[in-house]
């Protein structure tokens, strides 16, 4: 069982920056994948960025060049640095982990970008 606890988020003006962090706890010895998803009101949840144990990263086209995902395997944490934020980045952001073929989600943290 894996528990994911997110921190960070909040309200920022367009062009600003925010950082999200997620810590995994529980019976863990290797989390194959950790990432971030987001869900805006009235929209489906979408993948934002992800990183494997080996450090391979993926990004949604809409955030490439603005967001950076990083991971600390020893601490089982994943972070998302978000720069040049836009109003369309407003959403609830969820931490996601894939461990032993099971998927886990955090509770979500709100990111609001004002114009």
Protein backbone atom coordinates (compact mmCIF):
# COMPACT_ATOMS: atom_id res chain seq x y z
CA UNK A 1 0.00 0.00 0.00
CA UNK A 2 1.25 3.46 -0.91
CA UNK A 3 0.05 6.77 0.47
CA UNK A 4 0.73 9.98 -1.44
CA UNK A 5 0.71 13.35 0.28
CA UNK A 6 0.96 16.51 -1.79
CA UNK A 7 2.04 19.96 -0.73
CA UNK A 8 2.40 23.26 -2.47
CA UNK A 9 -0.02 24.89 -4.83
CA UNK A 10 -1.98 28.03 -4.19
CA UNK A 11 -2.79 31.25 -5.99
CA UNK A 12 -0.37 33.03 -8.31
CA UNK A 13 -0.56 35.65 -11.01
CA UNK A 14 0.02 34.77 -14.63
CA UNK A 15 3.71 34.55 -15.36
CA UNK A 16 4.53 33.48 -11.84
CA UNK A 17 5.88 30.23 -10.44
CA UNK A 18 4.75 27.55 -8.05
CA UNK A 19 6.22 24.31 -6.83
CA UNK A 20 4.40 21.11 -5.94
CA UNK A 21 5.80 18.25 -3.93
CA UNK A 22 4.55 14.75 -3.28
CA UNK A 23 5.84 12.29 -0.71
CA UNK A 24 5.10 8.59 -0.90
CA UNK A 25 4.96 6.44 2.20
CA UNK A 26 4.05 2.88 3.01
CA UNK A 27 5.48 -0.46 2.02
CA UNK A 28 7.69 0.73 -0.79
CA UNK A 29 10.84 -0.58 -2.33
CA UNK A 30 10.56 0.60 -5.90
CA UNK A 31 7.99 2.92 -7.39
CA UNK A 32 8.24 2.42 -11.12
CA UNK A 33 6.61 5.70 -12.07
CA UNK A 34 5.64 8.93 -10.37
CA UNK A 35 3.91 11.82 -11.98
CA UNK A 36 1.43 14.65 -11.89
CA UNK A 37 -2.02 14.92 -13.39
CA UNK A 38 -4.44 17.80 -13.33
CA UNK A 39 -8.15 18.30 -13.67
CA UNK A 40 -9.76 21.61 -14.48
CA UNK A 41 -13.47 22.24 -13.84
CA UNK A 42 -15.59 20.53 -16.46
CA UNK A 43 -12.61 18.77 -18.03
CA UNK A 44 -11.12 15.32 -17.86
CA UNK A 45 -8.08 14.58 -15.79
CA UNK A 46 -4.94 14.84 -17.91
CA UNK A 47 -1.33 13.87 -17.53
CA UNK A 48 1.02 16.78 -16.94
CA UNK A 49 4.41 15.18 -16.38
CA UNK A 50 5.93 11.92 -15.26
CA UNK A 51 9.27 10.38 -14.35
CA UNK A 52 10.45 6.80 -14.11
CA UNK A 53 12.84 5.34 -11.57
CA UNK A 54 15.59 5.69 -14.13
CA UNK A 55 14.90 9.37 -14.62
CA UNK A 56 13.12 9.27 -17.95
CA UNK A 57 10.67 12.18 -18.08
CA UNK A 58 7.58 12.93 -20.13
CA UNK A 59 5.63 16.15 -20.40
CA UNK A 60 2.34 17.25 -21.87
CA UNK A 61 2.91 19.50 -24.87
CA UNK A 62 1.10 22.32 -23.10
CA UNK A 63 3.69 22.49 -20.31
CA UNK A 64 6.93 21.67 -22.12
CA UNK A 65 9.57 24.28 -21.45
CA UNK A 66 7.65 25.69 -18.49
CA UNK A 67 7.33 22.79 -16.04
CA UNK A 68 10.08 20.58 -14.68
CA UNK A 69 9.52 17.30 -12.88
CA UNK A 70 12.13 15.85 -10.58
CA UNK A 71 12.32 12.83 -8.35
CA UNK A 72 14.29 11.65 -5.34
CA UNK A 73 14.22 7.87 -5.36
CA UNK A 74 15.84 7.57 -1.95
CA UNK A 75 13.14 9.71 -0.36
CA UNK A 76 10.29 8.57 -2.60
CA UNK A 77 9.38 12.13 -3.47
CA UNK A 78 8.47 13.82 -6.71
CA UNK A 79 8.32 17.54 -7.35
CA UNK A 80 6.91 19.73 -10.07
CA UNK A 81 8.39 23.17 -10.65
CA UNK A 82 5.93 25.28 -12.61
CA UNK A 83 7.16 28.48 -14.24
CA UNK A 84 5.53 30.99 -16.57
CA UNK A 85 2.15 29.91 -15.32
CA UNK A 86 -0.92 30.68 -17.39
CA UNK A 87 -4.59 30.97 -16.39
CA UNK A 88 -5.23 27.76 -18.31
CA UNK A 89 -2.95 25.93 -15.88
CA UNK A 90 -5.61 26.43 -13.21
CA UNK A 91 -6.68 23.02 -11.97
CA UNK A 92 -6.51 20.54 -9.14
CA UNK A 93 -3.16 18.79 -9.42
CA UNK A 94 -2.86 15.15 -8.38
CA UNK A 95 0.22 13.14 -7.59
CA UNK A 96 0.23 9.70 -9.17
CA UNK A 97 2.35 6.62 -8.56
CA UNK A 98 2.59 3.20 -10.15
CA UNK A 99 3.87 0.54 -7.77
CA UNK A 100 3.73 -3.22 -8.27
CA UNK A 101 1.15 -2.84 -11.03
CA UNK A 102 -1.17 -0.77 -8.84
CA UNK A 103 -1.96 2.87 -9.29
CA UNK A 104 -2.17 5.34 -6.43
CA UNK A 105 -3.40 8.93 -6.21
CA UNK A 106 -2.91 11.80 -3.85
CA UNK A 107 -5.78 13.89 -2.56
CA UNK A 108 -5.08 16.76 -4.93
CA UNK A 109 -3.93 20.31 -4.46
CA UNK A 110 -5.45 23.42 -6.03
CA UNK A 111 -3.43 25.62 -8.34
CA UNK A 112 -5.08 28.86 -9.39
CA UNK A 113 -3.49 31.25 -11.86
CA UNK A 114 -5.07 34.68 -12.14
CA UNK A 115 -4.91 36.72 -15.31
